[in-house]
Protein backbone atom coordinates (compact mmCIF):
# COMPACT_ATOMS: atom_id res chain seq x y z
CA MET A 1 -20.35 -2.81 -34.55
CA SER A 2 -19.57 -6.40 -35.49
CA ALA A 3 -19.38 -9.23 -32.98
CA ASP A 4 -15.58 -9.27 -33.32
CA ASN A 5 -15.31 -5.61 -32.35
CA GLU A 6 -17.62 -5.64 -29.35
CA THR A 7 -16.34 -3.79 -26.34
CA LYS A 8 -16.13 -6.02 -23.30
CA LYS A 9 -17.38 -4.45 -20.11
CA MET A 10 -14.75 -4.30 -17.42
CA LYS A 11 -15.34 -4.37 -13.71
CA GLN A 12 -13.20 -2.96 -10.98
CA ILE A 13 -11.46 -4.56 -8.02
CA THR A 14 -9.27 -3.21 -5.26
CA ILE A 15 -6.09 -4.89 -4.13
CA LYS A 16 -3.73 -4.14 -1.30
CA LEU A 17 0.01 -4.46 -1.76
CA LYS A 18 2.89 -3.88 0.58
CA ALA A 19 4.43 -0.48 -0.06
CA ASP A 20 7.70 -2.07 -1.22
CA ASP A 21 5.87 -4.31 -3.70
CA LEU A 22 3.89 -1.38 -5.09
CA ASN A 23 7.08 0.63 -5.52
CA ARG A 24 8.71 -2.31 -7.33
CA LEU A 25 5.67 -2.58 -9.59
CA ARG A 26 5.79 1.14 -10.38
CA GLU A 27 9.50 0.91 -11.19
CA TYR A 28 8.81 -2.10 -13.43
CA ALA A 29 6.01 -0.25 -15.24
CA ASP A 30 8.26 2.78 -15.78
CA SER A 31 11.10 0.64 -17.11
CA ARG A 32 8.78 -1.10 -19.57
CA GLY A 33 7.70 2.04 -21.36
CA GLY A 34 5.33 3.84 -19.08
CA ASN A 35 2.19 1.70 -19.26
CA PRO A 36 0.03 2.18 -16.19
CA VAL A 37 0.54 -0.18 -13.26
CA SER A 38 -2.99 -1.51 -13.78
CA HIS A 39 -1.93 -2.84 -17.20
CA TYR A 40 0.68 -5.09 -15.61
CA ILE A 41 -1.69 -6.19 -12.86
CA ARG A 42 -4.23 -7.25 -15.51
CA GLU A 43 -1.51 -9.10 -17.43
CA ALA A 44 -0.44 -10.93 -14.27
CA VAL A 45 -4.01 -11.96 -13.42
CA VAL A 46 -4.67 -13.26 -16.94
CA GLU A 47 -1.37 -15.16 -16.97
CA TYR A 48 -2.17 -16.70 -13.59
CA LEU A 49 -5.63 -17.79 -14.73
CA GLU A 50 -4.28 -19.28 -17.96
CA ASN A 51 -1.67 -21.29 -16.05
CA HIS A 52 -3.74 -22.33 -13.02
CA ALA A 53 -7.36 -22.60 -14.16
CA ASN A 54 -8.78 -26.05 -14.77
């Protein structure tokens, strides 16, 4: 496997959301084509870090 194709190890976290927020996130995920909720959480975290990291 070349350096460009290396698989990055992922780690796991747990988050707590209000039930209403989780339901909104599930509805959003369903409306966007059925990707898992975790996909959109990862996208949100990366976007936050890109916009707020030094």
